[in-house]
Amino acid sequence: MQPDDLPVANDVLAITFANEGMADLLTYENIPTLIQVATNLINSKFETHILTGLHTIHNVLKEFNEPMIKVATGKVVLTGDALDLEETTEKVNACIKAFALFNECKGF
């Protein structure tokens, strides 16, 4: 993401995922990308960008922490075949890795 894209990302996230109630529109596939964009905002020098990034991360975690923990620990039973469970587990693991990278960002 280019530095001049940060204002656009800030505006989009401020309207959508930084506000409560929109995080449920996400899927395990797009959470890692969203976390990366929020991390870029958190690493910004502007307070509004930092706050938008933090609110976004908070709302995603609030919405998905329990389901991701259940999938990662194997305490969830998905309807479908074993491939669906394996695919979901891989997506959840990618989300967890993205959160771990967020934890290492300089703005946090």
PDB file of N, CA and C in Angstrom:
ATOM      1  N   MET A   1       0.845  -1.174   0.000  1.00  0.00           N
ATOM      2  CA  MET A   1       0.000   0.000   0.000  1.00  0.00           C
ATOM      3  C   MET A   1       0.889   1.234   0.000  1.00  0.00           C
ATOM      4  N   GLN A   2       0.609   2.142  -0.880  1.00  0.00           N
ATOM      5  CA  GLN A   2       1.363   3.389  -0.981  1.00  0.00           C
ATOM      6  C   GLN A   2       0.935   4.355   0.111  1.00  0.00           C
ATOM      7  N   PRO A   3       1.843   5.218   0.573  1.00  0.00           N
ATOM      8  CA  PRO A   3       1.478   6.178   1.623  1.00  0.00           C
ATOM      9  C   PRO A   3       0.309   7.077   1.249  1.00  0.00           C
ATOM     10  N   ASP A   4       0.163   7.386  -0.036  1.00  0.00           N
ATOM     11  CA  ASP A   4      -0.956   8.234  -0.436  1.00  0.00           C
ATOM     12  C   ASP A   4      -2.279   7.477  -0.477  1.00  0.00           C
ATOM     13  N   ASP A   5      -2.239   6.149  -0.325  1.00  0.00           N
ATOM     14  CA  ASP A   5      -3.457   5.351  -0.239  1.00  0.00           C
ATOM     15  C   ASP A   5      -4.027   5.314   1.176  1.00  0.00           C
ATOM     16  N   LEU A   6      -3.224   5.706   2.165  1.00  0.00           N
ATOM     17  CA  LEU A   6      -3.671   5.639   3.556  1.00  0.00           C
ATOM     18  C   LEU A   6      -4.921   6.477   3.833  1.00  0.00           C
ATOM     19  N   PRO A   7      -5.032   7.690   3.295  1.00  0.00           N
ATOM     20  CA  PRO A   7      -6.277   8.432   3.553  1.00  0.00           C
ATOM     21  C   PRO A   7      -7.519   7.729   3.010  1.00  0.00           C
ATOM     22  N   VAL A   8      -7.373   7.096   1.859  1.00  0.00           N
ATOM     23  CA  VAL A   8      -8.503   6.365   1.279  1.00  0.00           C
ATOM     24  C   VAL A   8      -8.844   5.170   2.160  1.00  0.00           C
ATOM     25  N   ALA A   9      -7.808   4.416   2.556  1.00  0.00           N
ATOM     26  CA  ALA A   9      -8.030   3.262   3.437  1.00  0.00           C
ATOM     27  C   ALA A   9      -8.657   3.708   4.749  1.00  0.00           C
ATOM     28  N   ASN A  10      -8.183   4.825   5.282  1.00  0.00           N
ATOM     29  CA  ASN A  10      -8.738   5.343   6.533  1.00  0.00           C
ATOM     30  C   ASN A  10     -10.223   5.662   6.374  1.00  0.00           C
ATOM     31  N   ASP A  11     -10.563   6.327   5.299  1.00  0.00           N
ATOM     32  CA  ASP A  11     -11.964   6.684   5.083  1.00  0.00           C
ATOM     33  C   ASP A  11     -12.850   5.447   4.946  1.00  0.00           C
ATOM     34  N   VAL A  12     -12.385   4.475   4.178  1.00  0.00           N
ATOM     35  CA  VAL A  12     -13.185   3.263   3.971  1.00  0.00           C
ATOM     36  C   VAL A  12     -13.360   2.501   5.282  1.00  0.00           C
ATOM     37  N   LEU A  13     -12.267   2.309   6.013  1.00  0.00           N
ATOM     38  CA  LEU A  13     -12.369   1.560   7.266  1.00  0.00           C
ATOM     39  C   LEU A  13     -13.139   2.332   8.330  1.00  0.00           C
ATOM     40  N   ALA A  14     -13.005   3.650   8.344  1.00  0.00           N
ATOM     41  CA  ALA A  14     -13.738   4.448   9.330  1.00  0.00           C
ATOM     42  C   ALA A  14     -15.243   4.321   9.120  1.00  0.00           C
ATOM     43  N   ILE A  15     -15.650   4.202   7.882  1.00  0.00           N
ATOM     44  CA  ILE A  15     -17.081   4.104   7.568  1.00  0.00           C
ATOM     45  C   ILE A  15     -17.591   2.678   7.783  1.00  0.00           C
ATOM     46  N   THR A  16     -16.736   1.699   7.597  1.00  0.00           N
ATOM     47  CA  THR A  16     -17.196   0.309   7.624  1.00  0.00           C
ATOM     48  C   THR A  16     -16.774  -0.426   8.889  1.00  0.00           C
ATOM     49  N   PHE A  17     -15.572  -0.960   8.903  1.00  0.00           N
ATOM     50  CA  PHE A  17     -15.184  -1.918   9.924  1.00  0.00           C
ATOM     51  C   PHE A  17     -14.709  -1.294  11.229  1.00  0.00           C
ATOM     52  N   ALA A  18     -14.387  -0.017  11.242  1.00  0.00           N
ATOM     53  CA  ALA A  18     -14.008   0.629  12.500  1.00  0.00           C
ATOM     54  C   ALA A  18     -15.247   0.887  13.355  1.00  0.00           C
ATOM     55  N   ASN A  19     -16.410   0.869  12.727  1.00  0.00           N
ATOM     56  CA  ASN A  19     -17.667   1.018  13.454  1.00  0.00           C
ATOM     57  C   ASN A  19     -18.195  -0.353  13.818  1.00  0.00           C
ATOM     58  N   GLU A  20     -18.828  -0.439  14.956  1.00  0.00           N
ATOM     59  CA  GLU A  20     -19.391  -1.720  15.361  1.00  0.00           C
ATOM     60  C   GLU A  20     -20.534  -2.114  14.430  1.00  0.00           C
ATOM     61  N   GLY A  21     -20.663  -3.401  14.210  1.00  0.00           N
ATOM     62  CA  GLY A  21     -21.786  -3.891  13.429  1.00  0.00           C
ATOM     63  C   GLY A  21     -21.448  -4.280  12.011  1.00  0.00           C
ATOM     64  N   MET A  22     -20.288  -3.888  11.495  1.00  0.00           N
ATOM     65  CA  MET A  22     -19.946  -4.221  10.116  1.00  0.00           C
ATOM     66  C   MET A  22     -18.980  -5.396  10.009  1.00  0.00           C
ATOM     67  N   ALA A  23     -18.313  -5.761  11.086  1.00  0.00           N
ATOM     68  CA  ALA A  23     -17.311  -6.827  11.034  1.00  0.00           C
ATOM     69  C   ALA A  23     -17.913  -8.174  10.668  1.00  0.00           C
ATOM     70  N   ASP A  24     -19.192  -8.343  10.908  1.00  0.00           N
ATOM     71  CA  ASP A  24     -19.823  -9.618  10.574  1.00  0.00           C
ATOM     72  C   ASP A  24     -19.920  -9.842   9.065  1.00  0.00           C
ATOM     73  N   LEU A  25     -19.605  -8.834   8.264  1.00  0.00           N
ATOM     74  CA  LEU A  25     -19.601  -8.986   6.808  1.00  0.00           C
ATOM     75  C   LEU A  25     -18.317  -9.644   6.304  1.00  0.00           C
ATOM     76  N   LEU A  26     -17.336  -9.777   7.183  1.00  0.00           N
ATOM     77  CA  LEU A  26     -16.049 -10.339   6.791  1.00  0.00           C
ATOM     78  C   LEU A  26     -16.093 -11.857   6.750  1.00  0.00           C
ATOM     79  N   THR A  27     -15.130 -12.416   6.030  1.00  0.00           N
ATOM     80  CA  THR A  27     -14.926 -13.861   6.009  1.00  0.00           C
ATOM     81  C   THR A  27     -13.477 -14.131   6.400  1.00  0.00           C
ATOM     82  N   TYR A  28     -13.182 -15.381   6.690  1.00  0.00           N
ATOM     83  CA  TYR A  28     -11.815 -15.748   7.043  1.00  0.00           C
ATOM     84  C   TYR A  28     -10.847 -15.464   5.900  1.00  0.00           C
ATOM     85  N   GLU A  29     -11.339 -15.424   4.675  1.00  0.00           N
ATOM     86  CA  GLU A  29     -10.481 -15.172   3.515  1.00  0.00           C
ATOM     87  C   GLU A  29      -9.993 -13.727   3.460  1.00  0.00           C
ATOM     88  N   ASN A  30     -10.838 -12.777   3.831  1.00  0.00           N
ATOM     89  CA  ASN A  30     -10.430 -11.381   3.678  1.00  0.00           C
ATOM     90  C   ASN A  30      -9.946 -10.723   4.966  1.00  0.00           C
ATOM     91  N   ILE A  31     -10.006 -11.413   6.077  1.00  0.00           N
ATOM     92  CA  ILE A  31      -9.527 -10.840   7.339  1.00  0.00           C
ATOM     93  C   ILE A  31      -8.028 -10.546   7.303  1.00  0.00           C
ATOM     94  N   PRO A  32      -7.159 -11.444   6.807  1.00  0.00           N
ATOM     95  CA  PRO A  32      -5.726 -11.106   6.786  1.00  0.00           C
ATOM     96  C   PRO A  32      -5.402  -9.835   6.002  1.00  0.00           C
ATOM     97  N   THR A  33      -6.063  -9.623   4.887  1.00  0.00           N
ATOM     98  CA  THR A  33      -5.840  -8.412   4.104  1.00  0.00           C
ATOM     99  C   THR A  33      -6.307  -7.180   4.868  1.00  0.00           C
ATOM    100  N   LEU A  34      -7.446  -7.282   5.502  1.00  0.00           N
ATOM    101  CA  LEU A  34      -7.963  -6.165   6.285  1.00  0.00           C
ATOM    102  C   LEU A  34      -7.026  -5.835   7.453  1.00  0.00           C
ATOM    103  N   ILE A  35      -6.488  -6.854   8.085  1.00  0.00           N
ATOM    104  CA  ILE A  35      -5.560  -6.632   9.196  1.00  0.00           C
ATOM    105  C   ILE A  35      -4.305  -5.927   8.697  1.00  0.00           C
ATOM    106  N   GLN A  36      -3.823  -6.296   7.511  1.00  0.00           N
ATOM    107  CA  GLN A  36      -2.643  -5.638   6.946  1.00  0.00           C
ATOM    108  C   GLN A  36      -2.918  -4.160   6.677  1.00  0.00           C
ATOM    109  N   VAL A  37      -4.079  -3.848   6.135  1.00  0.00           N
ATOM    110  CA  VAL A  37      -4.435  -2.446   5.879  1.00  0.00           C
ATOM    111  C   VAL A  37      -4.554  -1.687   7.200  1.00  0.00           C
ATOM    112  N   ALA A  38      -5.189  -2.289   8.192  1.00  0.00           N
ATOM    113  CA  ALA A  38      -5.314  -1.644   9.500  1.00  0.00           C
ATOM    114  C   ALA A  38      -3.944  -1.446  10.138  1.00  0.00           C
ATOM    115  N   THR A  39      -3.046  -2.410   9.967  1.00  0.00           N
ATOM    116  CA  THR A  39      -1.692  -2.284  10.502  1.00  0.00           C
ATOM    117  C   THR A  39      -0.951  -1.132   9.839  1.00  0.00           C
ATOM    118  N   ASN A  40      -1.130  -0.977   8.534  1.00  0.00           N
ATOM    119  CA  ASN A  40      -0.523   0.166   7.836  1.00  0.00           C
ATOM    120  C   ASN A  40      -1.032   1.482   8.408  1.00  0.00           C
ATOM    121  N   LEU A  41      -2.308   1.533   8.728  1.00  0.00           N
ATOM    122  CA  LEU A  41      -2.864   2.752   9.333  1.00  0.00           C
ATOM    123  C   LEU A  41      -2.285   2.983  10.723  1.00  0.00           C
ATOM    124  N   ILE A  42      -2.140   1.923  11.489  1.00  0.00           N
ATOM    125  CA  ILE A  42      -1.605   2.046  12.847  1.00  0.00           C
ATOM    126  C   ILE A  42      -0.156   2.529  12.817  1.00  0.00           C
ATOM    127  N   ASN A  43       0.580   2.157  11.792  1.00  0.00           N
ATOM    128  CA  ASN A  43       1.965   2.601  11.648  1.00  0.00           C
ATOM    129  C   ASN A  43       2.082   4.018  11.090  1.00  0.00           C
ATOM    130  N   SER A  44       0.966   4.634  10.799  1.00  0.00           N
ATOM    131  CA  SER A  44       0.952   5.992  10.276  1.00  0.00           C
ATOM    132  C   SER A  44       1.324   6.993  11.368  1.00  0.00           C
ATOM    133  N   LYS A  45       1.643   8.199  10.958  1.00  0.00           N
ATOM    134  CA  LYS A  45       1.953   9.246  11.928  1.00  0.00           C
ATOM    135  C   LYS A  45       0.714  10.053  12.327  1.00  0.00           C
ATOM    136  N   PHE A  46      -0.415   9.769  11.714  1.00  0.00           N
ATOM    137  CA  PHE A  46      -1.632  10.533  11.983  1.00  0.00           C
ATOM    138  C   PHE A  46      -2.517   9.816  13.004  1.00  0.00           C
ATOM    139  N   GLU A  47      -2.950  10.550  13.989  1.00  0.00           N
ATOM    140  CA  GLU A  47      -3.743   9.961  15.067  1.00  0.00           C
ATOM    141  C   GLU A  47      -5.057   9.375  14.559  1.00  0.00           C
ATOM    142  N   THR A  48      -5.703  10.038  13.620  1.00  0.00           N
ATOM    143  CA  THR A  48      -6.973   9.511  13.105  1.00  0.00           C
ATOM    144  C   THR A  48      -6.764   8.165  12.412  1.00  0.00           C
ATOM    145  N   HIS A  49      -5.656   8.022  11.685  1.00  0.00           N
ATOM    146  CA  HIS A  49      -5.365   6.740  11.029  1.00  0.00           C
ATOM    147  C   HIS A  49      -5.102   5.656  12.073  1.00  0.00           C
ATOM    148  N   ILE A  50      -4.328   6.001  13.084  1.00  0.00           N
ATOM    149  CA  ILE A  50      -4.000   5.036  14.139  1.00  0.00           C
ATOM    150  C   ILE A  50      -5.273   4.566  14.836  1.00  0.00           C
ATOM    151  N   LEU A  51      -6.136   5.495  15.179  1.00  0.00           N
ATOM    152  CA  LEU A  51      -7.378   5.128  15.869  1.00  0.00           C
ATOM    153  C   LEU A  51      -8.296   4.281  14.994  1.00  0.00           C
ATOM    154  N   THR A  52      -8.385   4.633  13.719  1.00  0.00           N
ATOM    155  CA  THR A  52      -9.210   3.840  12.801  1.00  0.00           C
ATOM    156  C   THR A  52      -8.670   2.417  12.700  1.00  0.00           C
ATOM    157  N   GLY A  53      -7.357   2.277  12.574  1.00  0.00           N
ATOM    158  CA  GLY A  53      -6.750   0.948  12.505  1.00  0.00           C
ATOM    159  C   GLY A  53      -7.004   0.143  13.766  1.00  0.00           C
ATOM    160  N   LEU A  54      -6.837   0.784  14.925  1.00  0.00           N
ATOM    161  CA  LEU A  54      -7.062   0.077  16.192  1.00  0.00           C
ATOM    162  C   LEU A  54      -8.521  -0.317  16.376  1.00  0.00           C
ATOM    163  N   HIS A  55      -9.438   0.577  16.024  1.00  0.00           N
ATOM    164  CA  HIS A  55     -10.869   0.246  16.138  1.00  0.00           C
ATOM    165  C   HIS A  55     -11.231  -0.899  15.193  1.00  0.00           C
ATOM    166  N   THR A  56     -10.641  -0.894  14.016  1.00  0.00           N
ATOM    167  CA  THR A  56     -10.909  -1.973  13.061  1.00  0.00           C
ATOM    168  C   THR A  56     -10.444  -3.313  13.618  1.00  0.00           C
ATOM    169  N   ILE A  57      -9.206  -3.357  14.088  1.00  0.00           N
ATOM    170  CA  ILE A  57      -8.667  -4.596  14.664  1.00  0.00           C
ATOM    171  C   ILE A  57      -9.526  -5.049  15.845  1.00  0.00           C
ATOM    172  N   HIS A  58      -9.896  -4.122  16.693  1.00  0.00           N
ATOM    173  CA  HIS A  58     -10.713  -4.450  17.869  1.00  0.00           C
ATOM    174  C   HIS A  58     -12.041  -5.078  17.461  1.00  0.00           C
ATOM    175  N   ASN A  59     -12.703  -4.474  16.497  1.00  0.00           N
ATOM    176  CA  ASN A  59     -14.016  -4.980  16.083  1.00  0.00           C
ATOM    177  C   ASN A  59     -13.916  -6.339  15.396  1.00  0.00           C
ATOM    178  N   VAL A  60     -12.861  -6.550  14.637  1.00  0.00           N
ATOM    179  CA  VAL A  60     -12.677  -7.858  13.997  1.00  0.00           C
ATOM    180  C   VAL A  60     -12.418  -8.916  15.062  1.00  0.00           C
ATOM    181  N   LEU A  61     -11.555  -8.595  16.012  1.00  0.00           N
ATOM    182  CA  LEU A  61     -11.293  -9.546  17.096  1.00  0.00           C
ATOM    183  C   LEU A  61     -12.545  -9.835  17.913  1.00  0.00           C
ATOM    184  N   LYS A  62     -13.308  -8.797  18.189  1.00  0.00           N
ATOM    185  CA  LYS A  62     -14.526  -8.977  18.980  1.00  0.00           C
ATOM    186  C   LYS A  62     -15.509  -9.907  18.265  1.00  0.00           C
ATOM    187  N   GLU A  63     -15.578  -9.807  16.971  1.00  0.00           N
ATOM    188  CA  GLU A  63     -16.518 -10.609  16.194  1.00  0.00           C
ATOM    189  C   GLU A  63     -16.012 -12.038  15.956  1.00  0.00           C
ATOM    190  N   PHE A  64     -14.700 -12.193  15.766  1.00  0.00           N
ATOM    191  CA  PHE A  64     -14.179 -13.474  15.300  1.00  0.00           C
ATOM    192  C   PHE A  64     -13.306 -14.217  16.300  1.00  0.00           C
ATOM    193  N   ASN A  65     -13.031 -13.671  17.476  1.00  0.00           N
ATOM    194  CA  ASN A  65     -12.097 -14.356  18.372  1.00  0.00           C
ATOM    195  C   ASN A  65     -12.600 -15.732  18.802  1.00  0.00           C
ATOM    196  N   GLU A  66     -13.823 -15.833  19.233  1.00  0.00           N
ATOM    197  CA  GLU A  66     -14.337 -17.134  19.677  1.00  0.00           C
ATOM    198  C   GLU A  66     -14.432 -18.147  18.542  1.00  0.00           C
ATOM    199  N   PRO A  67     -15.008 -17.791  17.393  1.00  0.00           N
ATOM    200  CA  PRO A  67     -15.043 -18.781  16.305  1.00  0.00           C
ATOM    201  C   PRO A  67     -13.660 -19.229  15.851  1.00  0.00           C
ATOM    202  N   MET A  68     -12.698 -18.309  15.802  1.00  0.00           N
ATOM    203  CA  MET A  68     -11.344 -18.692  15.381  1.00  0.00           C
ATOM    204  C   MET A  68     -10.683 -19.604  16.407  1.00  0.00           C
ATOM    205  N   ILE A  69     -10.891 -19.333  17.681  1.00  0.00           N
ATOM    206  CA  ILE A  69     -10.317 -20.188  18.726  1.00  0.00           C
ATOM    207  C   ILE A  69     -10.911 -21.586  18.642  1.00  0.00           C
ATOM    208  N   LYS A  70     -12.213 -21.667  18.424  1.00  0.00           N
ATOM    209  CA  LYS A  70     -12.856 -22.976  18.321  1.00  0.00           C
ATOM    210  C   LYS A  70     -12.330 -23.773  17.136  1.00  0.00           C
ATOM    211  N   VAL A  71     -12.156 -23.105  15.997  1.00  0.00           N
ATOM    212  CA  VAL A  71     -11.630 -23.814  14.822  1.00  0.00           C
ATOM    213  C   VAL A  71     -10.174 -24.210  15.042  1.00  0.00           C
ATOM    214  N   ALA A  72      -9.372 -23.292  15.584  1.00  0.00           N
ATOM    215  CA  ALA A  72      -7.940 -23.565  15.781  1.00  0.00           C
ATOM    216  C   ALA A  72      -7.694 -24.679  16.787  1.00  0.00           C
ATOM    217  N   THR A  73      -8.554 -24.789  17.768  1.00  0.00           N
ATOM    218  CA  THR A  73      -8.373 -25.826  18.792  1.00  0.00           C
ATOM    219  C   THR A  73      -9.129 -27.109  18.460  1.00  0.00           C
ATOM    220  N   GLY A  74      -9.855 -27.119  17.363  1.00  0.00           N
ATOM    221  CA  GLY A  74     -10.578 -28.313  16.953  1.00  0.00           C
ATOM    222  C   GLY A  74     -11.861 -28.541  17.723  1.00  0.00           C
ATOM    223  N   LYS A  75     -12.385 -27.499  18.350  1.00  0.00           N
ATOM    224  CA  LYS A  75     -13.601 -27.656  19.157  1.00  0.00           C
ATOM    225  C   LYS A  75     -14.860 -27.267  18.400  1.00  0.00           C
ATOM    226  N   VAL A  76     -14.767 -27.216  17.102  1.00  0.00           N
ATOM    227  CA  VAL A  76     -15.931 -26.889  16.301  1.00  0.00           C
ATOM    228  C   VAL A  76     -16.168 -28.027  15.315  1.00  0.00           C
ATOM    229  N   VAL A  77     -17.421 -28.298  15.082  1.00  0.00           N
ATOM    230  CA  VAL A  77     -17.791 -29.319  14.114  1.00  0.00           C
ATOM    231  C   VAL A  77     -18.497 -28.608  12.971  1.00  0.00           C
ATOM    232  N   LEU A  78     -17.872 -28.655  11.809  1.00  0.00           N
ATOM    233  CA  LEU A  78     -18.458 -28.029  10.635  1.00  0.00           C
ATOM    234  C   LEU A  78     -19.273 -29.055   9.866  1.00  0.00           C
ATOM    235  N   THR A  79     -20.373 -28.617   9.333  1.00  0.00           N
ATOM    236  CA  THR A  79     -21.132 -29.514   8.481  1.00  0.00           C
ATOM    237  C   THR A  79     -20.436 -29.570   7.132  1.00  0.00           C
ATOM    238  N   GLY A  80     -20.307 -30.723   6.593  1.00  0.00           N
ATOM    239  CA  GLY A  80     -19.606 -30.892   5.326  1.00  0.00           C
ATOM    240  C   GLY A  80     -18.532 -31.944   5.466  1.00  0.00           C
ATOM    241  N   ASP A  81     -17.659 -31.983   4.475  1.00  0.00           N
ATOM    242  CA  ASP A  81     -16.637 -33.019   4.505  1.00  0.00           C
ATOM    243  C   ASP A  81     -15.354 -32.529   5.172  1.00  0.00           C
ATOM    244  N   ALA A  82     -14.402 -33.414   5.268  1.00  0.00           N
ATOM    245  CA  ALA A  82     -13.132 -33.112   5.936  1.00  0.00           C
ATOM    246  C   ALA A  82     -12.355 -32.031   5.203  1.00  0.00           C
ATOM    247  N   LEU A  83     -12.540 -31.926   3.894  1.00  0.00           N
ATOM    248  CA  LEU A  83     -11.848 -30.884   3.135  1.00  0.00           C
ATOM    249  C   LEU A  83     -12.322 -29.494   3.547  1.00  0.00           C
ATOM    250  N   ASP A  84     -13.620 -29.364   3.830  1.00  0.00           N
ATOM    251  CA  ASP A  84     -14.142 -28.076   4.285  1.00  0.00           C
ATOM    252  C   ASP A  84     -13.510 -27.684   5.618  1.00  0.00           C
ATOM    253  N   LEU A  85     -13.396 -28.632   6.518  1.00  0.00           N
ATOM    254  CA  LEU A  85     -12.795 -28.366   7.819  1.00  0.00           C
ATOM    255  C   LEU A  85     -11.321 -28.012   7.670  1.00  0.00           C
ATOM    256  N   GLU A  86     -10.612 -28.735   6.813  1.00  0.00           N
ATOM    257  CA  GLU A  86      -9.193 -28.454   6.590  1.00  0.00           C
ATOM    258  C   GLU A  86      -9.001 -27.078   5.956  1.00  0.00           C
ATOM    259  N   GLU A  87      -9.840 -26.750   4.991  1.00  0.00           N
ATOM    260  CA  GLU A  87      -9.760 -25.448   4.329  1.00  0.00           C
ATOM    261  C   GLU A  87     -10.059 -24.316   5.304  1.00  0.00           C
ATOM    262  N   THR A  88     -11.071 -24.486   6.121  1.00  0.00           N
ATOM    263  CA  THR A  88     -11.418 -23.470   7.120  1.00  0.00           C
ATOM    264  C   THR A  88     -10.300 -23.309   8.130  1.00  0.00           C
ATOM    265  N   THR A  89      -9.704 -24.414   8.540  1.00  0.00           N
ATOM    266  CA  THR A  89      -8.594 -24.363   9.487  1.00  0.00           C
ATOM    267  C   THR A  89      -7.412 -23.604   8.898  1.00  0.00           C
ATOM    268  N   GLU A  90      -7.112 -23.819   7.624  1.00  0.00           N
ATOM    269  CA  GLU A  90      -6.026 -23.094   6.964  1.00  0.00           C
ATOM    270  C   GLU A  90      -6.320 -21.594   6.921  1.00  0.00           C
ATOM    271  N   LYS A  91      -7.553 -21.229   6.622  1.00  0.00           N
ATOM    272  CA  LYS A  91      -7.931 -19.814   6.577  1.00  0.00           C
ATOM    273  C   LYS A  91      -7.836 -19.171   7.957  1.00  0.00           C
ATOM    274  N   VAL A  92      -8.270 -19.892   8.974  1.00  0.00           N
ATOM    275  CA  VAL A  92      -8.190 -19.379  10.343  1.00  0.00           C
ATOM    276  C   VAL A  92      -6.726 -19.215  10.757  1.00  0.00           C
ATOM    277  N   ASN A  93      -5.886 -20.178  10.385  1.00  0.00           N
ATOM    278  CA  ASN A  93      -4.462 -20.067  10.703  1.00  0.00           C
ATOM    279  C   ASN A  93      -3.837 -18.855  10.018  1.00  0.00           C
ATOM    280  N   ALA A  94      -4.270 -18.535   8.802  1.00  0.00           N
ATOM    281  CA  ALA A  94      -3.784 -17.331   8.122  1.00  0.00           C
ATOM    282  C   ALA A  94      -4.225 -16.070   8.872  1.00  0.00           C
ATOM    283  N   CYS A  95      -5.428 -16.085   9.399  1.00  0.00           N
ATOM    284  CA  CYS A  95      -5.914 -14.954  10.203  1.00  0.00           C
ATOM    285  C   CYS A  95      -5.082 -14.790  11.466  1.00  0.00           C
ATOM    286  N   ILE A  96      -4.790 -15.897  12.124  1.00  0.00           N
ATOM    287  CA  ILE A  96      -4.003 -15.859  13.357  1.00  0.00           C
ATOM    288  C   ILE A  96      -2.595 -15.331  13.070  1.00  0.00           C
ATOM    289  N   LYS A  97      -2.003 -15.748  11.946  1.00  0.00           N
ATOM    290  CA  LYS A  97      -0.680 -15.235  11.566  1.00  0.00           C
ATOM    291  C   LYS A  97      -0.741 -13.730  11.313  1.00  0.00           C
ATOM    292  N   ALA A  98      -1.822 -13.263  10.692  1.00  0.00           N
ATOM    293  CA  ALA A  98      -1.962 -11.833  10.429  1.00  0.00           C
ATOM    294  C   ALA A  98      -2.077 -11.057  11.739  1.00  0.00           C
ATOM    295  N   PHE A  99      -2.798 -11.602  12.705  1.00  0.00           N
ATOM    296  CA  PHE A  99      -2.890 -10.946  14.014  1.00  0.00           C
ATOM    297  C   PHE A  99      -1.530 -10.943  14.707  1.00  0.00           C
ATOM    298  N   ALA A 100      -0.742 -11.997  14.536  1.00  0.00           N
ATOM    299  CA  ALA A 100       0.598 -12.044  15.134  1.00  0.00           C
ATOM    300  C   ALA A 100       1.497 -10.986  14.511  1.00  0.00           C
ATOM    301  N   LEU A 101       1.396 -10.784  13.198  1.00  0.00           N
ATOM    302  CA  LEU A 101       2.172  -9.729  12.538  1.00  0.00           C
ATOM    303  C   LEU A 101       1.720  -8.350  13.006  1.00  0.00           C
ATOM    304  N   PHE A 102       0.425  -8.184  13.214  1.00  0.00           N
ATOM    305  CA  PHE A 102      -0.091  -6.918  13.747  1.00  0.00           C
ATOM    306  C   PHE A 102       0.515  -6.630  15.115  1.00  0.00           C
ATOM    307  N   ASN A 103       0.645  -7.657  15.930  1.00  0.00           N
ATOM    308  CA  ASN A 103       1.193  -7.506  17.270  1.00  0.00           C
ATOM    309  C   ASN A 103       2.621  -6.987  17.241  1.00  0.00           C
ATOM    310  N   GLU A 104       3.328  -7.211  16.144  1.00  0.00           N
ATOM    311  CA  GLU A 104       4.708  -6.769  16.023  1.00  0.00           C
ATOM    312  C   GLU A 104       4.855  -5.405  15.359  1.00  0.00           C
ATOM    313  N   CYS A 105       3.753  -4.785  14.949  1.00  0.00           N
ATOM    314  CA  CYS A 105       3.868  -3.511  14.230  1.00  0.00           C
ATOM    315  C   CYS A 105       4.396  -2.415  15.159  1.00  0.00           C
ATOM    316  N   LYS A 106       5.106  -1.461  14.570  1.00  0.00           N
ATOM    317  CA  LYS A 106       5.766  -0.437  15.357  1.00  0.00           C
ATOM    318  C   LYS A 106       4.776   0.524  16.026  1.00  0.00           C
ATOM    319  N   GLY A 107       3.611   0.690  15.440  1.00  0.00           N
ATOM    320  CA  GLY A 107       2.639   1.623  16.007  1.00  0.00           C
ATOM    321  C   GLY A 107       1.854   1.070  17.170  1.00  0.00           C
ATOM    322  N   PHE A 108       1.986  -0.226  17.422  1.00  0.00           N
ATOM    323  CA  PHE A 108       1.211  -0.856  18.477  1.00  0.00           C
ATOM    324  C   PHE A 108       1.975  -0.812  19.733  1.00  0.00           C
TER     325      PHE A 108
END
